Amino acid sequence: MTVRAKYKVQRIEASQTTVRKQGGADNQYELVEVRTIVLMPVYSPDPASENGRFWAASPSGEIKLGTINPNAWQAFELGSEYYVDFVKVE
């Protein structure tokens, strides 16, 4: 069974972290940029709209996606809406 939700990017946070250097020795680390994409459920005061129906089904929640992959964080735009499908791994 799949459960679909609809979320909106509320903010994108930038920070830095230290990770083990790829191909390096166990004690070699490098500083990398991290982006955290914060998504919240969509909302609409119109209960007949798609966002109103999603809001009625899931009016609260938060998804935080932290990544050091620029290709991943560039796929998200502030203020844009995204479908999120939850599929159980068998």
N, C-alpha and C. Protein backbone atom coordinates (compact mmCIF):
# COMPACT_ATOMS: atom_id res chain seq x y z
N MET A 1 0.83 -1.18 0.00
CA MET A 1 0.00 0.00 0.00
C MET A 1 0.88 1.24 0.00
N THR A 2 0.48 2.24 -0.76
CA THR A 2 1.19 3.51 -0.83
C THR A 2 0.33 4.60 -0.20
N VAL A 3 0.96 5.44 0.59
CA VAL A 3 0.29 6.61 1.16
C VAL A 3 0.94 7.84 0.54
N ARG A 4 0.13 8.71 -0.06
CA ARG A 4 0.65 9.91 -0.69
C ARG A 4 0.32 11.12 0.18
N ALA A 5 1.31 11.97 0.35
CA ALA A 5 1.14 13.23 1.06
C ALA A 5 1.61 14.35 0.14
N LYS A 6 1.27 15.57 0.49
CA LYS A 6 1.70 16.72 -0.31
C LYS A 6 2.30 17.75 0.64
N TYR A 7 3.55 18.10 0.41
CA TYR A 7 4.30 18.98 1.29
C TYR A 7 4.86 20.17 0.52
N LYS A 8 5.11 21.24 1.27
CA LYS A 8 5.64 22.47 0.70
C LYS A 8 6.97 22.80 1.37
N VAL A 9 7.96 23.24 0.58
CA VAL A 9 9.26 23.62 1.13
C VAL A 9 9.11 24.95 1.87
N GLN A 10 9.29 24.90 3.19
CA GLN A 10 9.16 26.09 4.03
C GLN A 10 10.48 26.85 4.16
N ARG A 11 11.57 26.08 4.23
CA ARG A 11 12.88 26.74 4.33
C ARG A 11 13.97 25.76 3.91
N ILE A 12 15.10 26.34 3.55
CA ILE A 12 16.29 25.57 3.20
C ILE A 12 17.42 26.14 4.03
N GLU A 13 17.99 25.30 4.88
CA GLU A 13 19.03 25.73 5.80
C GLU A 13 20.39 25.27 5.28
N ALA A 14 21.39 26.11 5.45
CA ALA A 14 22.76 25.76 5.04
C ALA A 14 23.64 25.69 6.28
N SER A 15 24.49 24.68 6.30
CA SER A 15 25.45 24.52 7.39
C SER A 15 26.65 23.74 6.85
N GLN A 16 27.55 23.40 7.75
CA GLN A 16 28.71 22.62 7.36
C GLN A 16 28.88 21.46 8.33
N THR A 17 29.50 20.41 7.85
CA THR A 17 29.82 19.27 8.71
C THR A 17 31.11 18.64 8.22
N THR A 18 31.68 17.81 9.06
CA THR A 18 32.90 17.10 8.71
C THR A 18 32.55 15.66 8.38
N VAL A 19 33.06 15.18 7.25
CA VAL A 19 32.85 13.80 6.84
C VAL A 19 34.20 13.16 6.50
N ARG A 20 34.21 11.83 6.54
CA ARG A 20 35.43 11.11 6.16
C ARG A 20 35.70 11.35 4.68
N LYS A 21 36.94 11.67 4.35
CA LYS A 21 37.33 11.95 2.97
C LYS A 21 37.25 10.67 2.15
N GLN A 22 36.56 10.75 1.00
CA GLN A 22 36.44 9.57 0.14
C GLN A 22 37.81 9.16 -0.38
N GLY A 23 38.09 7.87 -0.25
CA GLY A 23 39.35 7.35 -0.74
C GLY A 23 40.52 7.65 0.18
N GLY A 24 40.27 8.36 1.27
CA GLY A 24 41.34 8.71 2.20
C GLY A 24 41.47 7.70 3.33
N ALA A 25 42.45 7.90 4.14
CA ALA A 25 42.65 7.04 5.31
C ALA A 25 41.54 7.31 6.32
N ASP A 26 41.40 6.40 7.28
CA ASP A 26 40.34 6.52 8.28
C ASP A 26 40.40 7.83 9.06
N ASN A 27 41.56 8.42 9.15
CA ASN A 27 41.70 9.64 9.94
C ASN A 27 41.71 10.91 9.08
N GLN A 28 41.32 10.82 7.82
CA GLN A 28 41.28 11.98 6.94
C GLN A 28 39.83 12.45 6.78
N TYR A 29 39.60 13.70 7.13
CA TYR A 29 38.26 14.28 7.07
C TYR A 29 38.28 15.56 6.27
N GLU A 30 37.12 15.94 5.78
CA GLU A 30 36.99 17.21 5.06
C GLU A 30 35.70 17.91 5.48
N LEU A 31 35.70 19.21 5.37
CA LEU A 31 34.54 20.03 5.68
C LEU A 31 33.67 20.13 4.43
N VAL A 32 32.37 19.83 4.55
CA VAL A 32 31.47 19.87 3.41
C VAL A 32 30.23 20.69 3.76
N GLU A 33 29.58 21.21 2.72
CA GLU A 33 28.34 21.96 2.91
C GLU A 33 27.17 20.99 3.04
N VAL A 34 26.25 21.31 3.94
CA VAL A 34 25.04 20.54 4.14
C VAL A 34 23.86 21.46 3.89
N ARG A 35 22.86 20.98 3.18
CA ARG A 35 21.60 21.72 3.05
C ARG A 35 20.52 20.86 3.67
N THR A 36 19.70 21.48 4.50
CA THR A 36 18.56 20.79 5.10
C THR A 36 17.30 21.40 4.52
N ILE A 37 16.53 20.58 3.84
CA ILE A 37 15.27 21.03 3.25
C ILE A 37 14.16 20.69 4.25
N VAL A 38 13.40 21.71 4.65
CA VAL A 38 12.33 21.52 5.63
C VAL A 38 10.99 21.68 4.92
N LEU A 39 10.18 20.63 4.96
CA LEU A 39 8.89 20.62 4.29
C LEU A 39 7.77 20.47 5.32
N MET A 40 6.65 21.15 5.07
CA MET A 40 5.47 21.09 5.92
C MET A 40 4.27 20.73 5.04
N PRO A 41 3.19 20.16 5.64
CA PRO A 41 2.00 19.83 4.85
C PRO A 41 1.42 21.06 4.17
N VAL A 42 0.86 20.86 2.98
CA VAL A 42 0.22 21.96 2.26
C VAL A 42 -1.07 22.35 2.98
N TYR A 43 -1.55 23.55 2.68
CA TYR A 43 -2.79 24.04 3.31
C TYR A 43 -3.59 24.84 2.29
N SER A 44 -4.89 24.76 2.42
CA SER A 44 -5.80 25.63 1.69
C SER A 44 -7.08 25.78 2.51
N PRO A 45 -7.62 26.98 2.59
CA PRO A 45 -8.90 27.15 3.30
C PRO A 45 -10.08 26.57 2.52
N ASP A 46 -9.86 26.25 1.25
CA ASP A 46 -10.91 25.68 0.41
C ASP A 46 -10.90 24.16 0.54
N PRO A 47 -11.85 23.57 1.27
CA PRO A 47 -11.83 22.12 1.48
C PRO A 47 -12.01 21.30 0.20
N ALA A 48 -12.50 21.92 -0.86
CA ALA A 48 -12.69 21.20 -2.13
C ALA A 48 -11.42 21.17 -2.98
N SER A 49 -10.45 22.01 -2.66
CA SER A 49 -9.21 22.04 -3.45
C SER A 49 -8.33 20.85 -3.09
N GLU A 50 -7.38 20.55 -3.96
CA GLU A 50 -6.48 19.43 -3.67
C GLU A 50 -5.72 19.68 -2.37
N ASN A 51 -5.20 20.89 -2.18
CA ASN A 51 -4.46 21.17 -0.95
C ASN A 51 -5.36 21.09 0.27
N GLY A 52 -6.62 21.51 0.14
CA GLY A 52 -7.57 21.39 1.24
C GLY A 52 -7.84 19.94 1.60
N ARG A 53 -7.93 19.06 0.61
CA ARG A 53 -8.15 17.63 0.86
C ARG A 53 -6.92 17.00 1.52
N PHE A 54 -5.74 17.37 1.05
CA PHE A 54 -4.53 16.85 1.69
C PHE A 54 -4.43 17.35 3.13
N TRP A 55 -4.76 18.62 3.35
CA TRP A 55 -4.71 19.20 4.70
C TRP A 55 -5.66 18.46 5.63
N ALA A 56 -6.84 18.13 5.16
CA ALA A 56 -7.82 17.42 5.98
C ALA A 56 -7.32 16.04 6.39
N ALA A 57 -6.52 15.42 5.54
CA ALA A 57 -6.01 14.08 5.82
C ALA A 57 -4.74 14.10 6.66
N SER A 58 -3.92 15.12 6.53
CA SER A 58 -2.65 15.18 7.28
C SER A 58 -2.32 16.64 7.60
N PRO A 59 -3.00 17.19 8.63
CA PRO A 59 -2.83 18.62 8.93
C PRO A 59 -1.57 18.97 9.71
N SER A 60 -0.78 17.99 10.07
CA SER A 60 0.45 18.33 10.78
C SER A 60 1.56 17.40 10.34
N GLY A 61 2.77 17.80 10.61
CA GLY A 61 3.92 16.99 10.25
C GLY A 61 5.07 17.87 9.78
N GLU A 62 6.20 17.26 9.64
CA GLU A 62 7.39 17.96 9.15
C GLU A 62 8.34 16.91 8.60
N ILE A 63 8.94 17.23 7.48
CA ILE A 63 9.97 16.39 6.90
C ILE A 63 11.23 17.24 6.81
N LYS A 64 12.32 16.71 7.34
CA LYS A 64 13.62 17.37 7.22
C LYS A 64 14.55 16.43 6.46
N LEU A 65 15.06 16.92 5.36
CA LEU A 65 15.97 16.12 4.54
C LEU A 65 17.31 16.83 4.51
N GLY A 66 18.30 16.22 5.14
CA GLY A 66 19.65 16.79 5.13
C GLY A 66 20.50 16.06 4.11
N THR A 67 21.20 16.81 3.27
CA THR A 67 22.02 16.18 2.23
C THR A 67 23.30 16.98 1.97
N ILE A 68 24.34 16.27 1.60
CA ILE A 68 25.58 16.91 1.19
C ILE A 68 25.73 16.84 -0.33
N ASN A 69 24.69 16.33 -1.00
CA ASN A 69 24.70 16.17 -2.46
C ASN A 69 24.05 17.39 -3.12
N PRO A 70 24.83 18.24 -3.79
CA PRO A 70 24.25 19.42 -4.44
C PRO A 70 23.16 19.07 -5.46
N ASN A 71 23.29 17.96 -6.17
CA ASN A 71 22.25 17.57 -7.13
C ASN A 71 20.93 17.32 -6.43
N ALA A 72 20.98 16.79 -5.22
CA ALA A 72 19.75 16.53 -4.46
C ALA A 72 19.14 17.83 -3.96
N TRP A 73 19.93 18.70 -3.33
CA TRP A 73 19.33 19.92 -2.77
C TRP A 73 18.86 20.88 -3.85
N GLN A 74 19.46 20.84 -5.03
CA GLN A 74 19.03 21.72 -6.11
C GLN A 74 17.69 21.30 -6.71
N ALA A 75 17.22 20.09 -6.38
CA ALA A 75 15.92 19.62 -6.87
C ALA A 75 14.76 20.25 -6.11
N PHE A 76 15.05 20.96 -5.01
CA PHE A 76 14.01 21.57 -4.19
C PHE A 76 14.06 23.09 -4.30
N GLU A 77 12.87 23.69 -4.45
CA GLU A 77 12.76 25.15 -4.54
C GLU A 77 11.91 25.65 -3.38
N LEU A 78 12.38 26.71 -2.74
CA LEU A 78 11.65 27.32 -1.64
C LEU A 78 10.25 27.72 -2.11
N GLY A 79 9.23 27.32 -1.35
CA GLY A 79 7.85 27.65 -1.67
C GLY A 79 7.17 26.69 -2.63
N SER A 80 7.91 25.76 -3.21
CA SER A 80 7.31 24.80 -4.13
C SER A 80 6.71 23.63 -3.37
N GLU A 81 5.74 22.97 -4.01
CA GLU A 81 5.04 21.84 -3.40
C GLU A 81 5.49 20.54 -4.07
N TYR A 82 5.51 19.47 -3.24
CA TYR A 82 5.97 18.17 -3.72
C TYR A 82 5.08 17.07 -3.16
N TYR A 83 4.82 16.06 -3.98
CA TYR A 83 4.16 14.87 -3.51
C TYR A 83 5.22 13.99 -2.83
N VAL A 84 4.82 13.35 -1.75
CA VAL A 84 5.69 12.43 -1.04
C VAL A 84 4.94 11.09 -0.95
N ASP A 85 5.52 10.06 -1.52
CA ASP A 85 4.91 8.74 -1.49
C ASP A 85 5.64 7.86 -0.46
N PHE A 86 4.86 7.28 0.45
CA PHE A 86 5.40 6.37 1.43
C PHE A 86 5.04 4.94 1.00
N VAL A 87 6.06 4.17 0.71
CA VAL A 87 5.87 2.80 0.24
C VAL A 87 6.67 1.89 1.16
N LYS A 88 6.01 0.92 1.75
CA LYS A 88 6.68 -0.02 2.64
C LYS A 88 7.70 -0.85 1.88
N VAL A 89 8.88 -0.98 2.44
CA VAL A 89 9.92 -1.82 1.85
C VAL A 89 9.66 -3.25 2.25
N GLU A 90 9.57 -4.09 1.29
CA GLU A 90 9.29 -5.52 1.56
C GLU A 90 10.57 -6.31 1.58
